[in-house]
């Protein structure tokens, strides 16, 4: 006799994909209903036509490249700086006592308020958006890294020191593997913060980017084009999040 489907088995994965397909179908149906209710929501086919033309004619590719350069560069800076600072705060109690309240306070400040400062320093270009992304992604990563390191069982550290492990070996063989799942959660949230901050920044001041495309299309009431760019932004965010989520799950399974 066949038993109940095992968690994570084929039946479970199939049910997940079926559920996702149903949610997508509901979203498309709701879009169709909304497009018949108000002129502010374009029909699906004109939007998809604009989406295809955006890639074939190239008017999406340049702004998308500019946006992703800012997001990718800022995310890299946020990961390196956030991990280094977070590891220090997690391992050195004196530093944590000094900087934890400061970082927690700055984390509560909307990061977009820093954008005018960056504009005055580096100007209206990709660099200002890159540093905006770095600032936004830094805080979730540093907080999750510090929390992950602090949550490591002290016995593991004592065991490593009893085996004469160097500081590097303690970091790479003890603390990082144990804290990796928590750190990856912060990395995933950090990427989302980077992406959101760049799009917001492009609404305010930039020479090119997906956010500027949305703003220009809206100002000219080119609604199919605007929705096409929104679909691109949504697709990039969803695909990247799925990749990072799969990596996070992989790390969790290895850590367990």
C-alpha atoms as a PDB file:
ATOM      1  CA  UNK A   1       0.000   0.000   0.000  1.00  0.00           C
ATOM      2  CA  UNK A   2       1.088   3.510  -0.720  1.00  0.00           C
ATOM      3  CA  UNK A   3       1.644   5.638   2.336  1.00  0.00           C
ATOM      4  CA  UNK A   4       0.969   9.341   2.678  1.00  0.00           C
ATOM      5  CA  UNK A   5       3.153  11.652   0.558  1.00  0.00           C
ATOM      6  CA  UNK A   6       6.455  12.352   2.209  1.00  0.00           C
ATOM      7  CA  UNK A   7       7.261  15.996   3.007  1.00  0.00           C
ATOM      8  CA  UNK A   8       9.441  17.369   0.245  1.00  0.00           C
ATOM      9  CA  UNK A   9       8.596  14.435  -2.044  1.00  0.00           C
ATOM     10  CA  UNK A  10       7.346  14.638  -5.630  1.00  0.00           C
ATOM     11  CA  UNK A  11       3.693  15.006  -4.594  1.00  0.00           C
ATOM     12  CA  UNK A  12       4.562  17.876  -2.280  1.00  0.00           C
ATOM     13  CA  UNK A  13       6.548  19.695  -4.975  1.00  0.00           C
ATOM     14  CA  UNK A  14       3.796  19.143  -7.520  1.00  0.00           C
ATOM     15  CA  UNK A  15       1.217  20.563  -5.118  1.00  0.00           C
ATOM     16  CA  UNK A  16       3.386  23.645  -4.612  1.00  0.00           C
ATOM     17  CA  UNK A  17       3.700  24.259  -8.345  1.00  0.00           C
ATOM     18  CA  UNK A  18      -0.011  23.687  -8.864  1.00  0.00           C
ATOM     19  CA  UNK A  19      -0.731  26.197  -6.100  1.00  0.00           C
ATOM     20  CA  UNK A  20       1.589  28.733  -7.708  1.00  0.00           C
ATOM     21  CA  UNK A  21      -0.087  28.223 -11.068  1.00  0.00           C
ATOM     22  CA  UNK A  22      -3.521  28.769  -9.509  1.00  0.00           C
ATOM     23  CA  UNK A  23      -2.344  31.974  -7.821  1.00  0.00           C
ATOM     24  CA  UNK A  24      -0.958  33.199 -11.148  1.00  0.00           C
ATOM     25  CA  UNK A  25      -4.241  32.388 -12.870  1.00  0.00           C
ATOM     26  CA  UNK A  26      -6.171  34.323 -10.230  1.00  0.00           C
ATOM     27  CA  UNK A  27      -3.859  37.320 -10.676  1.00  0.00           C
ATOM     28  CA  UNK A  28      -4.314  37.271 -14.461  1.00  0.00           C
ATOM     29  CA  UNK A  29      -8.089  36.955 -14.086  1.00  0.00           C
ATOM     30  CA  UNK A  30      -8.175  39.849 -11.620  1.00  0.00           C
ATOM     31  CA  UNK A  31      -6.096  41.905 -14.054  1.00  0.00           C
ATOM     32  CA  UNK A  32      -8.580  41.174 -16.831  1.00  0.00           C
ATOM     33  CA  UNK A  33     -11.529  42.199 -14.664  1.00  0.00           C
ATOM     34  CA  UNK A  34      -9.782  45.385 -13.547  1.00  0.00           C
ATOM     35  CA  UNK A  35      -8.904  46.349 -17.123  1.00  0.00           C
ATOM     36  CA  UNK A  36     -12.602  46.239 -18.001  1.00  0.00           C
ATOM     37  CA  UNK A  37     -13.544  48.326 -14.969  1.00  0.00           C
ATOM     38  CA  UNK A  38     -11.208  51.304 -15.407  1.00  0.00           C
ATOM     39  CA  UNK A  39      -9.125  52.826 -18.181  1.00  0.00           C
ATOM     40  CA  UNK A  40      -6.228  53.212 -15.738  1.00  0.00           C
ATOM     41  CA  UNK A  41      -5.545  49.474 -15.992  1.00  0.00           C
ATOM     42  CA  UNK A  42      -4.566  48.471 -19.546  1.00  0.00           C
ATOM     43  CA  UNK A  43      -5.549  45.178 -21.121  1.00  0.00           C
ATOM     44  CA  UNK A  44      -3.117  42.296 -20.868  1.00  0.00           C
ATOM     45  CA  UNK A  45      -2.262  41.939 -24.560  1.00  0.00           C
ATOM     46  CA  UNK A  46      -1.163  45.565 -25.171  1.00  0.00           C
ATOM     47  CA  UNK A  47       0.994  45.264 -22.050  1.00  0.00           C
ATOM     48  CA  UNK A  48       2.600  42.041 -23.267  1.00  0.00           C
ATOM     49  CA  UNK A  49       3.130  43.632 -26.686  1.00  0.00           C
ATOM     50  CA  UNK A  50       4.980  46.522 -25.059  1.00  0.00           C
ATOM     51  CA  UNK A  51       6.991  44.039 -23.015  1.00  0.00           C
ATOM     52  CA  UNK A  52       8.143  42.171 -26.114  1.00  0.00           C
ATOM     53  CA  UNK A  53       8.887  45.400 -27.960  1.00  0.00           C
ATOM     54  CA  UNK A  54      10.870  46.673 -25.011  1.00  0.00           C
ATOM     55  CA  UNK A  55      13.327  43.800 -25.423  1.00  0.00           C
ATOM     56  CA  UNK A  56      13.296  43.561 -29.221  1.00  0.00           C
ATOM     57  CA  UNK A  57      13.627  47.323 -29.726  1.00  0.00           C
ATOM     58  CA  UNK A  58      15.984  47.710 -26.785  1.00  0.00           C
ATOM     59  CA  UNK A  59      14.327  50.515 -24.829  1.00  0.00           C
ATOM     60  CA  UNK A  60      14.113  48.305 -21.726  1.00  0.00           C
ATOM     61  CA  UNK A  61      17.601  46.800 -21.925  1.00  0.00           C
ATOM     62  CA  UNK A  62      19.643  49.954 -21.261  1.00  0.00           C
ATOM     63  CA  UNK A  63      17.643  51.085 -18.222  1.00  0.00           C
ATOM     64  CA  UNK A  64      17.532  47.522 -16.897  1.00  0.00           C
ATOM     65  CA  UNK A  65      21.310  47.224 -17.188  1.00  0.00           C
ATOM     66  CA  UNK A  66      21.790  50.527 -15.364  1.00  0.00           C
ATOM     67  CA  UNK A  67      19.418  49.494 -12.570  1.00  0.00           C
ATOM     68  CA  UNK A  68      20.988  46.070 -12.128  1.00  0.00           C
ATOM     69  CA  UNK A  69      24.521  47.520 -12.083  1.00  0.00           C
ATOM     70  CA  UNK A  70      23.487  49.718  -9.174  1.00  0.00           C
ATOM     71  CA  UNK A  71      21.682  46.871  -7.411  1.00  0.00           C
ATOM     72  CA  UNK A  72      24.463  44.337  -7.966  1.00  0.00           C
ATOM     73  CA  UNK A  73      27.275  46.695  -6.962  1.00  0.00           C
ATOM     74  CA  UNK A  74      25.424  47.940  -3.906  1.00  0.00           C
ATOM     75  CA  UNK A  75      24.498  44.407  -2.883  1.00  0.00           C
ATOM     76  CA  UNK A  76      28.133  43.295  -3.119  1.00  0.00           C
ATOM     77  CA  UNK A  77      29.274  46.211  -0.941  1.00  0.00           C
ATOM     78  CA  UNK A  78      26.460  45.509   1.545  1.00  0.00           C
ATOM     79  CA  UNK A  79      27.356  41.813   1.799  1.00  0.00           C
ATOM     80  CA  UNK A  80      31.078  42.421   2.341  1.00  0.00           C
ATOM     81  CA  UNK A  81      30.666  45.302   4.793  1.00  0.00           C
ATOM     82  CA  UNK A  82      27.621  43.842   6.553  1.00  0.00           C
ATOM     83  CA  UNK A  83      29.252  40.472   7.037  1.00  0.00           C
ATOM     84  CA  UNK A  84      32.527  41.938   8.342  1.00  0.00           C
ATOM     85  CA  UNK A  85      30.830  44.320  10.776  1.00  0.00           C
ATOM     86  CA  UNK A  86      28.222  41.751  11.827  1.00  0.00           C
ATOM     87  CA  UNK A  87      30.860  39.115  12.521  1.00  0.00           C
ATOM     88  CA  UNK A  88      32.821  41.584  14.651  1.00  0.00           C
ATOM     89  CA  UNK A  89      29.719  42.567  16.618  1.00  0.00           C
ATOM     90  CA  UNK A  90      28.816  38.921  17.121  1.00  0.00           C
ATOM     91  CA  UNK A  91      32.252  37.876  18.351  1.00  0.00           C
ATOM     92  CA  UNK A  92      33.391  40.930  20.331  1.00  0.00           C
ATOM     93  CA  UNK A  93      31.003  41.857  23.131  1.00  0.00           C
ATOM     94  CA  UNK A  94      32.644  45.252  23.749  1.00  0.00           C
ATOM     95  CA  UNK A  95      32.010  46.330  20.146  1.00  0.00           C
ATOM     96  CA  UNK A  96      28.435  45.089  20.353  1.00  0.00           C
ATOM     97  CA  UNK A  97      27.792  47.165  23.462  1.00  0.00           C
ATOM     98  CA  UNK A  98      29.028  50.279  21.641  1.00  0.00           C
ATOM     99  CA  UNK A  99      27.534  49.848  18.178  1.00  0.00           C
ATOM    100  CA  UNK A 100      24.373  47.754  18.625  1.00  0.00           C
ATOM    101  CA  UNK A 101      22.220  50.708  19.797  1.00  0.00           C
ATOM    102  CA  UNK A 102      23.594  52.923  17.012  1.00  0.00           C
ATOM    103  CA  UNK A 103      22.936  50.395  14.258  1.00  0.00           C
ATOM    104  CA  UNK A 104      19.484  49.584  15.632  1.00  0.00           C
ATOM    105  CA  UNK A 105      18.623  53.288  15.671  1.00  0.00           C
ATOM    106  CA  UNK A 106      19.861  53.879  12.116  1.00  0.00           C
ATOM    107  CA  UNK A 107      17.983  50.783  10.935  1.00  0.00           C
ATOM    108  CA  UNK A 108      14.721  52.502  11.909  1.00  0.00           C
ATOM    109  CA  UNK A 109      15.514  55.526   9.693  1.00  0.00           C
ATOM    110  CA  UNK A 110      14.001  55.340   6.170  1.00  0.00           C
ATOM    111  CA  UNK A 111      17.058  54.868   3.959  1.00  0.00           C
ATOM    112  CA  UNK A 112      15.635  57.033   1.178  1.00  0.00           C
ATOM    113  CA  UNK A 113      16.386  60.142   3.288  1.00  0.00           C
ATOM    114  CA  UNK A 114      20.096  59.495   2.649  1.00  0.00           C
ATOM    115  CA  UNK A 115      19.664  59.774  -1.129  1.00  0.00           C
ATOM    116  CA  UNK A 116      19.797  63.608  -1.320  1.00  0.00           C
ATOM    117  CA  UNK A 117      23.043  63.457   0.667  1.00  0.00           C
ATOM    118  CA  UNK A 118      24.491  60.946  -1.796  1.00  0.00           C
ATOM    119  CA  UNK A 119      23.362  63.081  -4.733  1.00  0.00           C
ATOM    120  CA  UNK A 120      25.210  66.062  -3.295  1.00  0.00           C
ATOM    121  CA  UNK A 121      28.371  63.960  -2.880  1.00  0.00           C
ATOM    122  CA  UNK A 122      28.587  61.805  -6.033  1.00  0.00           C
ATOM    123  CA  UNK A 123      26.014  63.433  -8.335  1.00  0.00           C
ATOM    124  CA  UNK A 124      23.086  62.052 -10.332  1.00  0.00           C
ATOM    125  CA  UNK A 125      24.549  58.855 -11.761  1.00  0.00           C
ATOM    126  CA  UNK A 126      24.730  55.124 -11.196  1.00  0.00           C
ATOM    127  CA  UNK A 127      27.172  55.561  -8.283  1.00  0.00           C
ATOM    128  CA  UNK A 128      24.604  57.400  -6.167  1.00  0.00           C
ATOM    129  CA  UNK A 129      22.118  54.556  -6.644  1.00  0.00           C
ATOM    130  CA  UNK A 130      24.840  51.982  -5.928  1.00  0.00           C
ATOM    131  CA  UNK A 131      25.672  53.567  -2.577  1.00  0.00           C
ATOM    132  CA  UNK A 132      21.981  53.955  -1.833  1.00  0.00           C
ATOM    133  CA  UNK A 133      21.590  50.203  -2.351  1.00  0.00           C
ATOM    134  CA  UNK A 134      24.667  49.501  -0.221  1.00  0.00           C
ATOM    135  CA  UNK A 135      23.306  51.532   2.694  1.00  0.00           C
ATOM    136  CA  UNK A 136      19.899  49.853   2.451  1.00  0.00           C
ATOM    137  CA  UNK A 137      21.250  46.308   2.238  1.00  0.00           C
ATOM    138  CA  UNK A 138      23.907  46.785   4.918  1.00  0.00           C
ATOM    139  CA  UNK A 139      21.585  46.898   7.914  1.00  0.00           C
ATOM    140  CA  UNK A 140      19.651  43.628   7.424  1.00  0.00           C
ATOM    141  CA  UNK A 141      22.893  41.789   6.675  1.00  0.00           C
ATOM    142  CA  UNK A 142      24.852  43.165   9.630  1.00  0.00           C
ATOM    143  CA  UNK A 143      21.994  42.505  12.056  1.00  0.00           C
ATOM    144  CA  UNK A 144      21.390  38.942  10.849  1.00  0.00           C
ATOM    145  CA  UNK A 145      25.117  38.147  10.821  1.00  0.00           C
ATOM    146  CA  UNK A 146      25.582  39.450  14.365  1.00  0.00           C
ATOM    147  CA  UNK A 147      22.503  37.550  15.555  1.00  0.00           C
ATOM    148  CA  UNK A 148      23.660  34.354  13.859  1.00  0.00           C
ATOM    149  CA  UNK A 149      27.152  34.512  15.366  1.00  0.00           C
ATOM    150  CA  UNK A 150      25.784  35.285  18.832  1.00  0.00           C
ATOM    151  CA  UNK A 151      23.415  32.307  18.614  1.00  0.00           C
ATOM    152  CA  UNK A 152      26.244  29.800  18.073  1.00  0.00           C
ATOM    153  CA  UNK A 153      26.575  27.454  21.035  1.00  0.00           C
ATOM    154  CA  UNK A 154      29.555  28.645  23.144  1.00  0.00           C
ATOM    155  CA  UNK A 155      30.525  25.011  23.654  1.00  0.00           C
ATOM    156  CA  UNK A 156      31.493  24.815  19.968  1.00  0.00           C
ATOM    157  CA  UNK A 157      33.883  27.728  20.366  1.00  0.00           C
ATOM    158  CA  UNK A 158      35.442  26.216  23.494  1.00  0.00           C
ATOM    159  CA  UNK A 159      35.818  22.900  21.700  1.00  0.00           C
ATOM    160  CA  UNK A 160      37.562  24.594  18.792  1.00  0.00           C
ATOM    161  CA  UNK A 161      39.960  26.438  21.087  1.00  0.00           C
ATOM    162  CA  UNK A 162      40.706  23.220  22.986  1.00  0.00           C
ATOM    163  CA  UNK A 163      41.795  21.744  19.645  1.00  0.00           C
ATOM    164  CA  UNK A 164      44.164  24.707  19.140  1.00  0.00           C
ATOM    165  CA  UNK A 165      42.179  26.124  16.231  1.00  0.00           C
ATOM    166  CA  UNK A 166      43.367  29.475  14.943  1.00  0.00           C
ATOM    167  CA  UNK A 167      40.973  32.434  14.739  1.00  0.00           C
ATOM    168  CA  UNK A 168      40.599  31.817  11.027  1.00  0.00           C
ATOM    169  CA  UNK A 169      39.788  28.159  11.611  1.00  0.00           C
ATOM    170  CA  UNK A 170      37.286  29.075  14.329  1.00  0.00           C
ATOM    171  CA  UNK A 171      35.584  31.464  11.913  1.00  0.00           C
ATOM    172  CA  UNK A 172      35.507  29.162   8.881  1.00  0.00           C
ATOM    173  CA  UNK A 173      35.033  25.800  10.607  1.00  0.00           C
ATOM    174  CA  UNK A 174      32.884  26.659  13.632  1.00  0.00           C
ATOM    175  CA  UNK A 175      31.061  29.984  13.668  1.00  0.00           C
ATOM    176  CA  UNK A 176      30.233  30.522   9.993  1.00  0.00           C
ATOM    177  CA  UNK A 177      28.817  27.029   9.296  1.00  0.00           C
ATOM    178  CA  UNK A 178      26.663  27.222  12.435  1.00  0.00           C
ATOM    179  CA  UNK A 179      25.423  30.757  11.695  1.00  0.00           C
ATOM    180  CA  UNK A 180      25.118  30.377   7.900  1.00  0.00           C
ATOM    181  CA  UNK A 181      21.307  29.850   7.776  1.00  0.00           C
ATOM    182  CA  UNK A 182      20.646  33.002   9.792  1.00  0.00           C
ATOM    183  CA  UNK A 183      23.175  34.967   7.751  1.00  0.00           C
ATOM    184  CA  UNK A 184      21.576  33.841   4.480  1.00  0.00           C
ATOM    185  CA  UNK A 185      18.183  35.059   5.669  1.00  0.00           C
ATOM    186  CA  UNK A 186      19.693  38.500   6.161  1.00  0.00           C
ATOM    187  CA  UNK A 187      21.405  38.329   2.756  1.00  0.00           C
ATOM    188  CA  UNK A 188      18.084  37.578   1.058  1.00  0.00           C
ATOM    189  CA  UNK A 189      16.362  40.446   2.875  1.00  0.00           C
ATOM    190  CA  UNK A 190      19.357  42.656   2.103  1.00  0.00           C
ATOM    191  CA  UNK A 191      19.026  42.053  -1.630  1.00  0.00           C
ATOM    192  CA  UNK A 192      15.349  42.980  -1.504  1.00  0.00           C
ATOM    193  CA  UNK A 193      16.271  46.187   0.346  1.00  0.00           C
ATOM    194  CA  UNK A 194      18.919  47.005  -2.283  1.00  0.00           C
ATOM    195  CA  UNK A 195      16.512  46.457  -5.171  1.00  0.00           C
ATOM    196  CA  UNK A 196      13.682  48.455  -3.595  1.00  0.00           C
ATOM    197  CA  UNK A 197      15.957  51.361  -2.691  1.00  0.00           C
ATOM    198  CA  UNK A 198      17.339  51.651  -6.229  1.00  0.00           C
ATOM    199  CA  UNK A 199      13.856  51.704  -7.778  1.00  0.00           C
ATOM    200  CA  UNK A 200      12.737  54.331  -5.255  1.00  0.00           C
ATOM    201  CA  UNK A 201      15.860  56.388  -5.943  1.00  0.00           C
ATOM    202  CA  UNK A 202      15.109  56.301  -9.667  1.00  0.00           C
ATOM    203  CA  UNK A 203      11.718  57.841  -8.961  1.00  0.00           C
ATOM    204  CA  UNK A 204      13.459  60.858  -7.414  1.00  0.00           C
ATOM    205  CA  UNK A 205      16.555  61.630  -9.466  1.00  0.00           C
ATOM    206  CA  UNK A 206      18.454  59.617 -12.080  1.00  0.00           C
ATOM    207  CA  UNK A 207      19.440  59.766 -15.722  1.00  0.00           C
ATOM    208  CA  UNK A 208      18.401  56.188 -16.537  1.00  0.00           C
ATOM    209  CA  UNK A 209      16.777  53.175 -14.931  1.00  0.00           C
ATOM    210  CA  UNK A 210      13.639  51.066 -14.698  1.00  0.00           C
ATOM    211  CA  UNK A 211      12.124  53.342 -12.069  1.00  0.00           C
ATOM    212  CA  UNK A 212      12.533  56.340 -14.387  1.00  0.00           C
ATOM    213  CA  UNK A 213      10.880  54.363 -17.198  1.00  0.00           C
ATOM    214  CA  UNK A 214       7.849  53.741 -14.975  1.00  0.00           C
ATOM    215  CA  UNK A 215       7.689  57.394 -13.946  1.00  0.00           C
ATOM    216  CA  UNK A 216       7.977  58.702 -17.524  1.00  0.00           C
ATOM    217  CA  UNK A 217       5.379  56.263 -18.844  1.00  0.00           C
ATOM    218  CA  UNK A 218       2.964  57.247 -16.080  1.00  0.00           C
ATOM    219  CA  UNK A 219       3.452  60.970 -16.693  1.00  0.00           C
ATOM    220  CA  UNK A 220       2.589  60.442 -20.382  1.00  0.00           C
ATOM    221  CA  UNK A 221      -0.243  58.012 -19.520  1.00  0.00           C
ATOM    222  CA  UNK A 222       1.474  55.288 -21.554  1.00  0.00           C
ATOM    223  CA  UNK A 223      -0.108  52.702 -19.289  1.00  0.00           C
ATOM    224  CA  UNK A 224       0.708  49.512 -21.258  1.00  0.00           C
ATOM    225  CA  UNK A 225       4.382  50.546 -21.301  1.00  0.00           C
ATOM    226  CA  UNK A 226       4.295  51.371 -17.592  1.00  0.00           C
ATOM    227  CA  UNK A 227       2.775  48.004 -16.709  1.00  0.00           C
ATOM    228  CA  UNK A 228       5.301  46.241 -18.957  1.00  0.00           C
ATOM    229  CA  UNK A 229       8.192  47.780 -17.008  1.00  0.00           C
ATOM    230  CA  UNK A 230       6.456  46.903 -13.735  1.00  0.00           C
ATOM    231  CA  UNK A 231       6.299  43.292 -14.948  1.00  0.00           C
ATOM    232  CA  UNK A 232      10.038  43.366 -15.647  1.00  0.00           C
ATOM    233  CA  UNK A 233      10.761  44.726 -12.163  1.00  0.00           C
ATOM    234  CA  UNK A 234       8.485  42.104 -10.599  1.00  0.00           C
ATOM    235  CA  UNK A 235      10.086  39.320 -12.613  1.00  0.00           C
ATOM    236  CA  UNK A 236      13.625  40.314 -11.645  1.00  0.00           C
ATOM    237  CA  UNK A 237      12.682  40.527  -7.971  1.00  0.00           C
ATOM    238  CA  UNK A 238      10.836  37.187  -8.007  1.00  0.00           C
ATOM    239  CA  UNK A 239      13.524  35.241  -9.876  1.00  0.00           C
ATOM    240  CA  UNK A 240      16.368  36.603  -7.749  1.00  0.00           C
ATOM    241  CA  UNK A 241      14.457  35.915  -4.549  1.00  0.00           C
ATOM    242  CA  UNK A 242      13.766  32.325  -5.636  1.00  0.00           C
ATOM    243  CA  UNK A 243      17.469  31.794  -6.360  1.00  0.00           C
ATOM    244  CA  UNK A 244      18.521  33.166  -2.977  1.00  0.00           C
ATOM    245  CA  UNK A 245      15.751  31.207  -1.228  1.00  0.00           C
ATOM    246  CA  UNK A 246      16.927  27.978  -2.872  1.00  0.00           C
ATOM    247  CA  UNK A 247      20.494  28.756  -1.777  1.00  0.00           C
ATOM    248  CA  UNK A 248      19.286  29.480   1.759  1.00  0.00           C
ATOM    249  CA  UNK A 249      17.385  26.176   1.916  1.00  0.00           C
ATOM    250  CA  UNK A 250      20.434  24.335   0.607  1.00  0.00           C
ATOM    251  CA  UNK A 251      22.629  25.865   3.288  1.00  0.00           C
ATOM    252  CA  UNK A 252      20.063  25.045   5.978  1.00  0.00           C
ATOM    253  CA  UNK A 253      19.907  21.414   4.867  1.00  0.00           C
ATOM    254  CA  UNK A 254      23.703  21.124   4.924  1.00  0.00           C
ATOM    255  CA  UNK A 255      23.907  22.820   8.330  1.00  0.00           C
ATOM    256  CA  UNK A 256      21.375  20.402   9.781  1.00  0.00           C
END
